[in-house]
Amino acid sequence: MTTGQMSPFIRIALYMIAGWLYGSGYIGEEVRALITEDPAVAASIEAGVAALIAAVPLSWWRAAKRLGHPT
């Protein structure tokens, strides 16, 4: 799954998390609107999530190498 294919799933999760935080009272209406409606903020969050997902195999490989497992 490439970043282009993953983007709608990240956007849906972003809406769900922002709605939950707004409903719980952790963030206000302005912050919720900024997160869900501003394309630049949403794209930045999507890029951060994609980078986090891409970092998992690298860190797994480095941990395996340090522990002496075959890489």
PDB file of N, CA and C in Angstrom:
ATOM      1  N   MET A   1       0.845  -1.172   0.000  1.00  0.00           N
ATOM      2  CA  MET A   1       0.000   0.000   0.000  1.00  0.00           C
ATOM      3  C   MET A   1       0.890   1.235   0.000  1.00  0.00           C
ATOM      4  N   THR A   2       0.729   2.075  -0.988  1.00  0.00           N
ATOM      5  CA  THR A   2       1.545   3.275  -1.078  1.00  0.00           C
ATOM      6  C   THR A   2       0.912   4.415  -0.293  1.00  0.00           C
ATOM      7  N   THR A   3       1.624   5.522  -0.191  1.00  0.00           N
ATOM      8  CA  THR A   3       1.121   6.671   0.558  1.00  0.00           C
ATOM      9  C   THR A   3      -0.145   7.219  -0.078  1.00  0.00           C
ATOM     10  N   GLY A   4      -0.227   7.228  -1.391  1.00  0.00           N
ATOM     11  CA  GLY A   4      -1.429   7.706  -2.068  1.00  0.00           C
ATOM     12  C   GLY A   4      -2.636   6.852  -1.756  1.00  0.00           C
ATOM     13  N   GLN A   5      -2.449   5.554  -1.637  1.00  0.00           N
ATOM     14  CA  GLN A   5      -3.546   4.658  -1.293  1.00  0.00           C
ATOM     15  C   GLN A   5      -3.869   4.726   0.185  1.00  0.00           C
ATOM     16  N   MET A   6      -2.902   5.049   1.009  1.00  0.00           N
ATOM     17  CA  MET A   6      -3.079   5.077   2.448  1.00  0.00           C
ATOM     18  C   MET A   6      -3.719   6.383   2.910  1.00  0.00           C
ATOM     19  N   SER A   7      -3.610   7.424   2.108  1.00  0.00           N
ATOM     20  CA  SER A   7      -4.063   8.752   2.487  1.00  0.00           C
ATOM     21  C   SER A   7      -5.535   8.820   2.894  1.00  0.00           C
ATOM     22  N   PRO A   8      -6.468   8.192   2.182  1.00  0.00           N
ATOM     23  CA  PRO A   8      -7.870   8.259   2.643  1.00  0.00           C
ATOM     24  C   PRO A   8      -8.081   7.626   4.016  1.00  0.00           C
ATOM     25  N   PHE A   9      -7.366   6.553   4.303  1.00  0.00           N
ATOM     26  CA  PHE A   9      -7.508   5.910   5.605  1.00  0.00           C
ATOM     27  C   PHE A   9      -6.981   6.809   6.722  1.00  0.00           C
ATOM     28  N   ILE A  10      -5.872   7.496   6.454  1.00  0.00           N
ATOM     29  CA  ILE A  10      -5.324   8.425   7.439  1.00  0.00           C
ATOM     30  C   ILE A  10      -6.292   9.582   7.655  1.00  0.00           C
ATOM     31  N   ARG A  11      -6.883  10.083   6.580  1.00  0.00           N
ATOM     32  CA  ARG A  11      -7.824  11.201   6.691  1.00  0.00           C
ATOM     33  C   ARG A  11      -9.063  10.791   7.486  1.00  0.00           C
ATOM     34  N   ILE A  12      -9.571   9.588   7.254  1.00  0.00           N
ATOM     35  CA  ILE A  12     -10.727   9.102   8.017  1.00  0.00           C
ATOM     36  C   ILE A  12     -10.370   8.966   9.493  1.00  0.00           C
ATOM     37  N   ALA A  13      -9.204   8.408   9.777  1.00  0.00           N
ATOM     38  CA  ALA A  13      -8.773   8.273  11.170  1.00  0.00           C
ATOM     39  C   ALA A  13      -8.580   9.645  11.809  1.00  0.00           C
ATOM     40  N   LEU A  14      -8.095  10.605  11.041  1.00  0.00           N
ATOM     41  CA  LEU A  14      -7.913  11.964  11.547  1.00  0.00           C
ATOM     42  C   LEU A  14      -9.253  12.577  11.942  1.00  0.00           C
ATOM     43  N   TYR A  15     -10.268  12.403  11.110  1.00  0.00           N
ATOM     44  CA  TYR A  15     -11.606  12.894  11.447  1.00  0.00           C
ATOM     45  C   TYR A  15     -12.150  12.212  12.695  1.00  0.00           C
ATOM     46  N   MET A  16     -11.934  10.897  12.799  1.00  0.00           N
ATOM     47  CA  MET A  16     -12.436  10.162  13.961  1.00  0.00           C
ATOM     48  C   MET A  16     -11.745  10.618  15.244  1.00  0.00           C
ATOM     49  N   ILE A  17     -10.440  10.763  15.211  1.00  0.00           N
ATOM     50  CA  ILE A  17      -9.691  11.177  16.403  1.00  0.00           C
ATOM     51  C   ILE A  17     -10.036  12.609  16.788  1.00  0.00           C
ATOM     52  N   ALA A  18     -10.139  13.497  15.779  1.00  0.00           N
ATOM     53  CA  ALA A  18     -10.495  14.886  16.079  1.00  0.00           C
ATOM     54  C   ALA A  18     -11.900  14.967  16.665  1.00  0.00           C
ATOM     55  N   GLY A  19     -12.824  14.177  16.142  1.00  0.00           N
ATOM     56  CA  GLY A  19     -14.185  14.158  16.682  1.00  0.00           C
ATOM     57  C   GLY A  19     -14.221  13.629  18.101  1.00  0.00           C
ATOM     58  N   TRP A  20     -13.441  12.601  18.369  1.00  0.00           N
ATOM     59  CA  TRP A  20     -13.408  12.048  19.724  1.00  0.00           C
ATOM     60  C   TRP A  20     -12.808  13.048  20.709  1.00  0.00           C
ATOM     61  N   LEU A  21     -11.707  13.685  20.302  1.00  0.00           N
ATOM     62  CA  LEU A  21     -11.085  14.683  21.186  1.00  0.00           C
ATOM     63  C   LEU A  21     -12.007  15.873  21.422  1.00  0.00           C
ATOM     64  N   TYR A  22     -12.728  16.292  20.379  1.00  0.00           N
ATOM     65  CA  TYR A  22     -13.666  17.403  20.526  1.00  0.00           C
ATOM     66  C   TYR A  22     -14.843  16.993  21.416  1.00  0.00           C
ATOM     67  N   GLY A  23     -15.351  15.806  21.204  1.00  0.00           N
ATOM     68  CA  GLY A  23     -16.472  15.319  22.017  1.00  0.00           C
ATOM     69  C   GLY A  23     -16.091  15.117  23.470  1.00  0.00           C
ATOM     70  N   SER A  24     -14.852  14.763  23.725  1.00  0.00           N
ATOM     71  CA  SER A  24     -14.389  14.562  25.097  1.00  0.00           C
ATOM     72  C   SER A  24     -14.016  15.872  25.777  1.00  0.00           C
ATOM     73  N   GLY A  25     -13.912  16.933  25.006  1.00  0.00           N
ATOM     74  CA  GLY A  25     -13.587  18.224  25.577  1.00  0.00           C
ATOM     75  C   GLY A  25     -12.100  18.521  25.654  1.00  0.00           C
ATOM     76  N   TYR A  26     -11.278  17.696  25.031  1.00  0.00           N
ATOM     77  CA  TYR A  26      -9.832  17.923  25.066  1.00  0.00           C
ATOM     78  C   TYR A  26      -9.407  19.049  24.130  1.00  0.00           C
ATOM     79  N   ILE A  27     -10.137  19.230  23.026  1.00  0.00           N
ATOM     80  CA  ILE A  27      -9.831  20.313  22.091  1.00  0.00           C
ATOM     81  C   ILE A  27     -11.114  21.099  21.846  1.00  0.00           C
ATOM     82  N   GLY A  28     -10.952  22.336  21.428  1.00  0.00           N
ATOM     83  CA  GLY A  28     -12.093  23.190  21.162  1.00  0.00           C
ATOM     84  C   GLY A  28     -12.529  23.124  19.710  1.00  0.00           C
ATOM     85  N   GLU A  29     -13.572  23.878  19.402  1.00  0.00           N
ATOM     86  CA  GLU A  29     -14.113  23.902  18.048  1.00  0.00           C
ATOM     87  C   GLU A  29     -13.097  24.428  17.039  1.00  0.00           C
ATOM     88  N   GLU A  30     -12.332  25.459  17.432  1.00  0.00           N
ATOM     89  CA  GLU A  30     -11.361  26.039  16.498  1.00  0.00           C
ATOM     90  C   GLU A  30     -10.266  25.041  16.136  1.00  0.00           C
ATOM     91  N   VAL A  31      -9.792  24.301  17.119  1.00  0.00           N
ATOM     92  CA  VAL A  31      -8.725  23.326  16.861  1.00  0.00           C
ATOM     93  C   VAL A  31      -9.265  22.175  16.014  1.00  0.00           C
ATOM     94  N   ARG A  32     -10.480  21.715  16.320  1.00  0.00           N
ATOM     95  CA  ARG A  32     -11.087  20.647  15.527  1.00  0.00           C
ATOM     96  C   ARG A  32     -11.245  21.085  14.075  1.00  0.00           C
ATOM     97  N   ALA A  33     -11.712  22.306  13.864  1.00  0.00           N
ATOM     98  CA  ALA A  33     -11.875  22.813  12.507  1.00  0.00           C
ATOM     99  C   ALA A  33     -10.527  22.952  11.810  1.00  0.00           C
ATOM    100  N   LEU A  34      -9.518  23.392  12.540  1.00  0.00           N
ATOM    101  CA  LEU A  34      -8.188  23.532  11.961  1.00  0.00           C
ATOM    102  C   LEU A  34      -7.641  22.178  11.519  1.00  0.00           C
ATOM    103  N   ILE A  35      -7.812  21.169  12.348  1.00  0.00           N
ATOM    104  CA  ILE A  35      -7.283  19.839  12.035  1.00  0.00           C
ATOM    105  C   ILE A  35      -8.022  19.208  10.859  1.00  0.00           C
ATOM    106  N   THR A  36      -9.336  19.349  10.824  1.00  0.00           N
ATOM    107  CA  THR A  36     -10.116  18.635   9.812  1.00  0.00           C
ATOM    108  C   THR A  36     -10.355  19.421   8.540  1.00  0.00           C
ATOM    109  N   GLU A  37     -10.311  20.757   8.589  1.00  0.00           N
ATOM    110  CA  GLU A  37     -10.681  21.537   7.417  1.00  0.00           C
ATOM    111  C   GLU A  37      -9.502  22.202   6.711  1.00  0.00           C
ATOM    112  N   ASP A  38      -8.400  22.427   7.389  1.00  0.00           N
ATOM    113  CA  ASP A  38      -7.253  23.079   6.761  1.00  0.00           C
ATOM    114  C   ASP A  38      -6.426  22.034   6.014  1.00  0.00           C
ATOM    115  N   PRO A  39      -6.338  22.131   4.689  1.00  0.00           N
ATOM    116  CA  PRO A  39      -5.624  21.108   3.929  1.00  0.00           C
ATOM    117  C   PRO A  39      -4.136  21.015   4.269  1.00  0.00           C
ATOM    118  N   ALA A  40      -3.504  22.135   4.607  1.00  0.00           N
ATOM    119  CA  ALA A  40      -2.076  22.101   4.920  1.00  0.00           C
ATOM    120  C   ALA A  40      -1.817  21.346   6.215  1.00  0.00           C
ATOM    121  N   VAL A  41      -2.656  21.563   7.223  1.00  0.00           N
ATOM    122  CA  VAL A  41      -2.491  20.855   8.497  1.00  0.00           C
ATOM    123  C   VAL A  41      -2.771  19.371   8.310  1.00  0.00           C
ATOM    124  N   ALA A  42      -3.836  19.051   7.580  1.00  0.00           N
ATOM    125  CA  ALA A  42      -4.164  17.647   7.345  1.00  0.00           C
ATOM    126  C   ALA A  42      -3.052  16.951   6.558  1.00  0.00           C
ATOM    127  N   ALA A  43      -2.488  17.625   5.569  1.00  0.00           N
ATOM    128  CA  ALA A  43      -1.396  17.025   4.796  1.00  0.00           C
ATOM    129  C   ALA A  43      -0.155  16.824   5.662  1.00  0.00           C
ATOM    130  N   SER A  44       0.104  17.763   6.561  1.00  0.00           N
ATOM    131  CA  SER A  44       1.249  17.612   7.460  1.00  0.00           C
ATOM    132  C   SER A  44       1.065  16.432   8.399  1.00  0.00           C
ATOM    133  N   ILE A  45      -0.127  16.272   8.922  1.00  0.00           N
ATOM    134  CA  ILE A  45      -0.403  15.136   9.805  1.00  0.00           C
ATOM    135  C   ILE A  45      -0.301  13.834   9.036  1.00  0.00           C
ATOM    136  N   GLU A  46      -0.832  13.803   7.808  1.00  0.00           N
ATOM    137  CA  GLU A  46      -0.722  12.600   6.976  1.00  0.00           C
ATOM    138  C   GLU A  46       0.739  12.254   6.708  1.00  0.00           C
ATOM    139  N   ALA A  47       1.556  13.253   6.419  1.00  0.00           N
ATOM    140  CA  ALA A  47       2.984  13.005   6.170  1.00  0.00           C
ATOM    141  C   ALA A  47       3.672  12.478   7.424  1.00  0.00           C
ATOM    142  N   GLY A  48       3.309  13.005   8.575  1.00  0.00           N
ATOM    143  CA  GLY A  48       3.877  12.520   9.832  1.00  0.00           C
ATOM    144  C   GLY A  48       3.507  11.086  10.115  1.00  0.00           C
ATOM    145  N   VAL A  49       2.252  10.733   9.873  1.00  0.00           N
ATOM    146  CA  VAL A  49       1.813   9.347  10.088  1.00  0.00           C
ATOM    147  C   VAL A  49       2.512   8.413   9.102  1.00  0.00           C
ATOM    148  N   ALA A  50       2.639   8.835   7.855  1.00  0.00           N
ATOM    149  CA  ALA A  50       3.329   8.010   6.856  1.00  0.00           C
ATOM    150  C   ALA A  50       4.794   7.812   7.235  1.00  0.00           C
ATOM    151  N   ALA A  51       5.437   8.863   7.739  1.00  0.00           N
ATOM    152  CA  ALA A  51       6.834   8.735   8.170  1.00  0.00           C
ATOM    153  C   ALA A  51       6.955   7.805   9.368  1.00  0.00           C
ATOM    154  N   LEU A  52       6.013   7.877  10.278  1.00  0.00           N
ATOM    155  CA  LEU A  52       6.017   6.985  11.439  1.00  0.00           C
ATOM    156  C   LEU A  52       5.861   5.536  11.004  1.00  0.00           C
ATOM    157  N   ILE A  53       4.947   5.289  10.075  1.00  0.00           N
ATOM    158  CA  ILE A  53       4.747   3.923   9.575  1.00  0.00           C
ATOM    159  C   ILE A  53       5.992   3.433   8.838  1.00  0.00           C
ATOM    160  N   ALA A  54       6.638   4.312   8.084  1.00  0.00           N
ATOM    161  CA  ALA A  54       7.857   3.929   7.358  1.00  0.00           C
ATOM    162  C   ALA A  54       9.020   3.676   8.297  1.00  0.00           C
ATOM    163  N   ALA A  55       9.019   4.294   9.473  1.00  0.00           N
ATOM    164  CA  ALA A  55      10.123   4.123  10.418  1.00  0.00           C
ATOM    165  C   ALA A  55      10.061   2.801  11.164  1.00  0.00           C
ATOM    166  N   VAL A  56       8.909   2.164  11.198  1.00  0.00           N
ATOM    167  CA  VAL A  56       8.769   0.910  11.953  1.00  0.00           C
ATOM    168  C   VAL A  56       9.692  -0.186  11.406  1.00  0.00           C
ATOM    169  N   PRO A  57       9.706  -0.485  10.102  1.00  0.00           N
ATOM    170  CA  PRO A  57      10.621  -1.537   9.629  1.00  0.00           C
ATOM    171  C   PRO A  57      12.099  -1.216   9.870  1.00  0.00           C
ATOM    172  N   LEU A  58      12.451   0.053   9.720  1.00  0.00           N
ATOM    173  CA  LEU A  58      13.843   0.440   9.946  1.00  0.00           C
ATOM    174  C   LEU A  58      14.254   0.213  11.396  1.00  0.00           C
ATOM    175  N   SER A  59      13.422   0.649  12.319  1.00  0.00           N
ATOM    176  CA  SER A  59      13.774   0.456  13.730  1.00  0.00           C
ATOM    177  C   SER A  59      13.733  -1.022  14.106  1.00  0.00           C
ATOM    178  N   TRP A  60      12.837  -1.794  13.503  1.00  0.00           N
ATOM    179  CA  TRP A  60      12.794  -3.244  13.751  1.00  0.00           C
ATOM    180  C   TRP A  60      14.094  -3.883  13.260  1.00  0.00           C
ATOM    181  N   TRP A  61      14.560  -3.474  12.082  1.00  0.00           N
ATOM    182  CA  TRP A  61      15.789  -4.011  11.524  1.00  0.00           C
ATOM    183  C   TRP A  61      16.977  -3.657  12.415  1.00  0.00           C
ATOM    184  N   ARG A  62      17.038  -2.408  12.886  1.00  0.00           N
ATOM    185  CA  ARG A  62      18.163  -1.998  13.742  1.00  0.00           C
ATOM    186  C   ARG A  62      18.152  -2.751  15.072  1.00  0.00           C
ATOM    187  N   ALA A  63      16.961  -2.976  15.633  1.00  0.00           N
ATOM    188  CA  ALA A  63      16.877  -3.721  16.891  1.00  0.00           C
ATOM    189  C   ALA A  63      17.312  -5.169  16.683  1.00  0.00           C
ATOM    190  N   ALA A  64      16.901  -5.774  15.578  1.00  0.00           N
ATOM    191  CA  ALA A  64      17.294  -7.154  15.295  1.00  0.00           C
ATOM    192  C   ALA A  64      18.802  -7.260  15.094  1.00  0.00           C
ATOM    193  N   LYS A  65      19.375  -6.271  14.437  1.00  0.00           N
ATOM    194  CA  LYS A  65      20.819  -6.281  14.203  1.00  0.00           C
ATOM    195  C   LYS A  65      21.585  -6.151  15.514  1.00  0.00           C
ATOM    196  N   ARG A  66      21.119  -5.291  16.413  1.00  0.00           N
ATOM    197  CA  ARG A  66      21.780  -5.117  17.706  1.00  0.00           C
ATOM    198  C   ARG A  66      21.661  -6.359  18.585  1.00  0.00           C
ATOM    199  N   LEU A  67      20.542  -7.055  18.486  1.00  0.00           N
ATOM    200  CA  LEU A  67      20.335  -8.226  19.324  1.00  0.00           C
ATOM    201  C   LEU A  67      20.947  -9.487  18.723  1.00  0.00           C
ATOM    202  N   GLY A  68      21.521  -9.368  17.534  1.00  0.00           N
ATOM    203  CA  GLY A  68      22.209 -10.497  16.927  1.00  0.00           C
ATOM    204  C   GLY A  68      21.327 -11.430  16.124  1.00  0.00           C
ATOM    205  N   HIS A  69      20.082 -11.015  15.846  1.00  0.00           N
ATOM    206  CA  HIS A  69      19.204 -11.830  15.011  1.00  0.00           C
ATOM    207  C   HIS A  69      19.579 -11.621  13.545  1.00  0.00           C
ATOM    208  N   PRO A  70      19.291 -12.621  12.711  1.00  0.00           N
ATOM    209  CA  PRO A  70      19.601 -12.455  11.280  1.00  0.00           C
ATOM    210  C   PRO A  70      18.754 -11.340  10.669  1.00  0.00           C
ATOM    211  N   THR A  71      19.379 -10.537   9.829  1.00  0.00           N
ATOM    212  CA  THR A  71      18.645  -9.425   9.232  1.00  0.00           C
ATOM    213  C   THR A  71      18.487  -9.587   7.743  1.00  0.00           C
TER     214      THR A  71
END
